[in-house]
C-alpha atoms as a PDB file:
ATOM      1  CA  MET A   1      18.476 -19.678 -37.690  1.00  0.00           C
ATOM      2  CA  LEU A   2      21.812 -18.225 -36.624  1.00  0.00           C
ATOM      3  CA  PRO A   3      22.017 -14.888 -34.845  1.00  0.00           C
ATOM      4  CA  LYS A   4      22.834 -11.818 -36.940  1.00  0.00           C
ATOM      5  CA  GLN A   5      26.543 -11.827 -37.716  1.00  0.00           C
ATOM      6  CA  HIS A   6      28.571  -9.350 -35.686  1.00  0.00           C
ATOM      7  CA  PRO A   7      31.525  -7.845 -37.596  1.00  0.00           C
ATOM      8  CA  LYS A   8      34.016  -8.963 -34.941  1.00  0.00           C
ATOM      9  CA  LYS A   9      32.755 -12.500 -34.416  1.00  0.00           C
ATOM     10  CA  THR A  10      33.487 -15.584 -36.493  1.00  0.00           C
ATOM     11  CA  PHE A  11      30.977 -18.390 -36.403  1.00  0.00           C
ATOM     12  CA  ASP A  12      32.694 -21.784 -36.516  1.00  0.00           C
ATOM     13  CA  LEU A  13      30.254 -24.136 -38.205  1.00  0.00           C
ATOM     14  CA  ASP A  14      30.245 -27.842 -38.931  1.00  0.00           C
ATOM     15  CA  GLY A  15      30.034 -28.895 -42.567  1.00  0.00           C
ATOM     16  CA  GLU A  16      26.269 -29.311 -42.893  1.00  0.00           C
ATOM     17  CA  ILE A  17      25.389 -25.990 -41.271  1.00  0.00           C
ATOM     18  CA  PHE A  18      28.214 -24.154 -43.067  1.00  0.00           C
ATOM     19  CA  LYS A  19      26.980 -25.410 -46.453  1.00  0.00           C
ATOM     20  CA  GLN A  20      23.340 -24.620 -45.634  1.00  0.00           C
ATOM     21  CA  GLU A  21      24.196 -21.081 -44.487  1.00  0.00           C
ATOM     22  CA  TYR A  22      26.382 -20.516 -47.552  1.00  0.00           C
ATOM     23  CA  LEU A  23      23.724 -21.711 -49.991  1.00  0.00           C
ATOM     24  CA  ASN A  24      20.974 -19.684 -48.308  1.00  0.00           C
ATOM     25  CA  ASN A  25      22.886 -16.409 -48.090  1.00  0.00           C
ATOM     26  CA  PRO A  26      22.528 -14.181 -51.193  1.00  0.00           C
ATOM     27  CA  SER A  27      25.602 -12.151 -50.196  1.00  0.00           C
ATOM     28  CA  ALA A  28      27.818 -15.205 -49.624  1.00  0.00           C
ATOM     29  CA  VAL A  29      31.369 -15.489 -50.935  1.00  0.00           C
ATOM     30  CA  LEU A  30      33.175 -18.802 -50.493  1.00  0.00           C
ATOM     31  CA  VAL A  31      36.891 -18.280 -49.761  1.00  0.00           C
ATOM     32  CA  ASP A  32      39.571 -20.965 -49.912  1.00  0.00           C
ATOM     33  CA  VAL A  33      42.617 -19.680 -47.991  1.00  0.00           C
ATOM     34  CA  ARG A  34      44.912 -22.544 -48.993  1.00  0.00           C
ATOM     35  CA  THR A  35      47.835 -22.061 -51.373  1.00  0.00           C
ATOM     36  CA  ALA A  36      47.258 -21.689 -55.112  1.00  0.00           C
ATOM     37  CA  VAL A  37      48.655 -25.201 -55.664  1.00  0.00           C
ATOM     38  CA  GLU A  38      46.208 -26.705 -53.169  1.00  0.00           C
ATOM     39  CA  PHE A  39      43.361 -24.682 -54.672  1.00  0.00           C
ATOM     40  CA  TYR A  40      44.062 -25.878 -58.212  1.00  0.00           C
ATOM     41  CA  GLU A  41      44.338 -29.472 -57.047  1.00  0.00           C
ATOM     42  CA  GLY A  42      40.686 -29.241 -56.016  1.00  0.00           C
ATOM     43  CA  SER A  43      38.386 -26.934 -54.137  1.00  0.00           C
ATOM     44  CA  ILE A  44      34.714 -26.402 -53.395  1.00  0.00           C
ATOM     45  CA  PRO A  45      32.863 -25.183 -56.515  1.00  0.00           C
ATOM     46  CA  GLN A  46      32.437 -21.388 -56.713  1.00  0.00           C
ATOM     47  CA  ALA A  47      35.233 -20.726 -54.186  1.00  0.00           C
ATOM     48  CA  ILE A  48      37.734 -17.956 -54.744  1.00  0.00           C
ATOM     49  CA  ASN A  49      41.341 -18.363 -53.633  1.00  0.00           C
ATOM     50  CA  ILE A  50      42.947 -15.888 -51.257  1.00  0.00           C
ATOM     51  CA  ASP A  51      46.119 -17.594 -50.032  1.00  0.00           C
ATOM     52  CA  TYR A  52      46.595 -16.916 -46.333  1.00  0.00           C
ATOM     53  CA  MET A  53      50.340 -17.602 -46.665  1.00  0.00           C
ATOM     54  CA  ALA A  54      50.819 -15.073 -49.485  1.00  0.00           C
ATOM     55  CA  LYS A  55      52.654 -11.833 -48.740  1.00  0.00           C
ATOM     56  CA  ASP A  56      49.726  -9.798 -50.069  1.00  0.00           C
ATOM     57  CA  PHE A  57      47.023 -11.545 -48.001  1.00  0.00           C
ATOM     58  CA  GLU A  58      46.234  -8.533 -45.787  1.00  0.00           C
ATOM     59  CA  LYS A  59      46.295  -6.226 -48.809  1.00  0.00           C
ATOM     60  CA  ARG A  60      43.816  -8.453 -50.649  1.00  0.00           C
ATOM     61  CA  LEU A  61      41.455  -8.294 -47.675  1.00  0.00           C
ATOM     62  CA  LEU A  62      41.187  -4.548 -48.206  1.00  0.00           C
ATOM     63  CA  THR A  63      39.655  -5.204 -51.637  1.00  0.00           C
ATOM     64  CA  LEU A  64      36.810  -7.333 -50.262  1.00  0.00           C
ATOM     65  CA  ASP A  65      33.283  -5.952 -50.180  1.00  0.00           C
ATOM     66  CA  PRO A  66      32.258  -5.350 -46.538  1.00  0.00           C
ATOM     67  CA  THR A  67      28.583  -5.854 -47.431  1.00  0.00           C
ATOM     68  CA  LYS A  68      29.249  -9.511 -48.314  1.00  0.00           C
ATOM     69  CA  THR A  69      29.404 -12.477 -45.962  1.00  0.00           C
ATOM     70  CA  TYR A  70      32.532 -14.610 -46.272  1.00  0.00           C
ATOM     71  CA  PHE A  71      32.547 -18.383 -45.812  1.00  0.00           C
ATOM     72  CA  VAL A  72      36.161 -19.386 -45.209  1.00  0.00           C
ATOM     73  CA  PHE A  73      37.906 -22.746 -45.286  1.00  0.00           C
ATOM     74  CA  CYS A  74      41.329 -24.354 -45.621  1.00  0.00           C
ATOM     75  CA  ARG A  75      42.610 -27.918 -45.423  1.00  0.00           C
ATOM     76  CA  ASN A  76      41.980 -28.681 -41.746  1.00  0.00           C
ATOM     77  CA  GLY A  77      40.939 -25.427 -40.072  1.00  0.00           C
ATOM     78  CA  ASN A  78      44.190 -23.879 -38.838  1.00  0.00           C
ATOM     79  CA  ARG A  79      44.828 -21.336 -41.604  1.00  0.00           C
ATOM     80  CA  SER A  80      41.144 -20.472 -41.866  1.00  0.00           C
ATOM     81  CA  GLY A  81      41.082 -19.649 -38.150  1.00  0.00           C
ATOM     82  CA  ALA A  82      43.976 -17.217 -38.535  1.00  0.00           C
ATOM     83  CA  ALA A  83      42.534 -15.821 -41.767  1.00  0.00           C
ATOM     84  CA  CYS A  84      39.175 -15.191 -40.088  1.00  0.00           C
ATOM     85  CA  LYS A  85      40.860 -13.207 -37.317  1.00  0.00           C
ATOM     86  CA  ALA A  86      42.501 -10.988 -39.938  1.00  0.00           C
ATOM     87  CA  MET A  87      39.165 -10.622 -41.732  1.00  0.00           C
ATOM     88  CA  GLU A  88      37.474  -9.650 -38.461  1.00  0.00           C
ATOM     89  CA  ARG A  89      40.073  -6.907 -37.971  1.00  0.00           C
ATOM     90  CA  ASN A  90      38.939  -5.605 -41.359  1.00  0.00           C
ATOM     91  CA  ARG A  91      35.306  -5.589 -40.135  1.00  0.00           C
ATOM     92  CA  LEU A  92      34.202  -8.408 -42.453  1.00  0.00           C
ATOM     93  CA  ASN A  93      31.389 -10.852 -41.668  1.00  0.00           C
ATOM     94  CA  VAL A  94      32.921 -14.315 -41.486  1.00  0.00           C
ATOM     95  CA  PHE A  95      31.853 -17.935 -41.122  1.00  0.00           C
ATOM     96  CA  ARG A  96      34.509 -20.657 -40.790  1.00  0.00           C
ATOM     97  CA  LEU A  97      34.230 -24.278 -41.860  1.00  0.00           C
ATOM     98  CA  ARG A  98      35.269 -26.238 -38.775  1.00  0.00           C
ATOM     99  CA  GLY A  99      37.565 -29.098 -39.760  1.00  0.00           C
ATOM    100  CA  GLY A 100      38.456 -27.740 -43.187  1.00  0.00           C
ATOM    101  CA  ILE A 101      37.537 -28.819 -46.701  1.00  0.00           C
ATOM    102  CA  THR A 102      37.061 -32.467 -45.732  1.00  0.00           C
ATOM    103  CA  SER A 103      34.096 -31.366 -43.575  1.00  0.00           C
ATOM    104  CA  TRP A 104      32.232 -30.033 -46.655  1.00  0.00           C
ATOM    105  CA  PRO A 105      29.302 -32.409 -47.334  1.00  0.00           C
ATOM    106  CA  GLU A 106      29.263 -33.757 -50.871  1.00  0.00           C
ATOM    107  CA  ASN A 107      25.516 -34.444 -51.102  1.00  0.00           C
END
């Protein structure tokens, strides 16, 4: 079991643990921070798209429910790392998929 999430700390998780934590968390929201084009080409089921590169990214973070836990990913981990830092500044609970979408287990 992971320690209680601190609002200013991102947990970087490998694919198996990330998926397990996401599926076992009733307040989980899966967030794909890739572009809309990348998102529509294929994403993890149930993910919402909040494009880190979009001009309104920070503004969209203000609309997120702070009582939820956000599970964030991108293609290879770079954008999700930056996105998580912005989410932390907004006092959101964040988990990051280390290695990006290709680390998500398909089983």
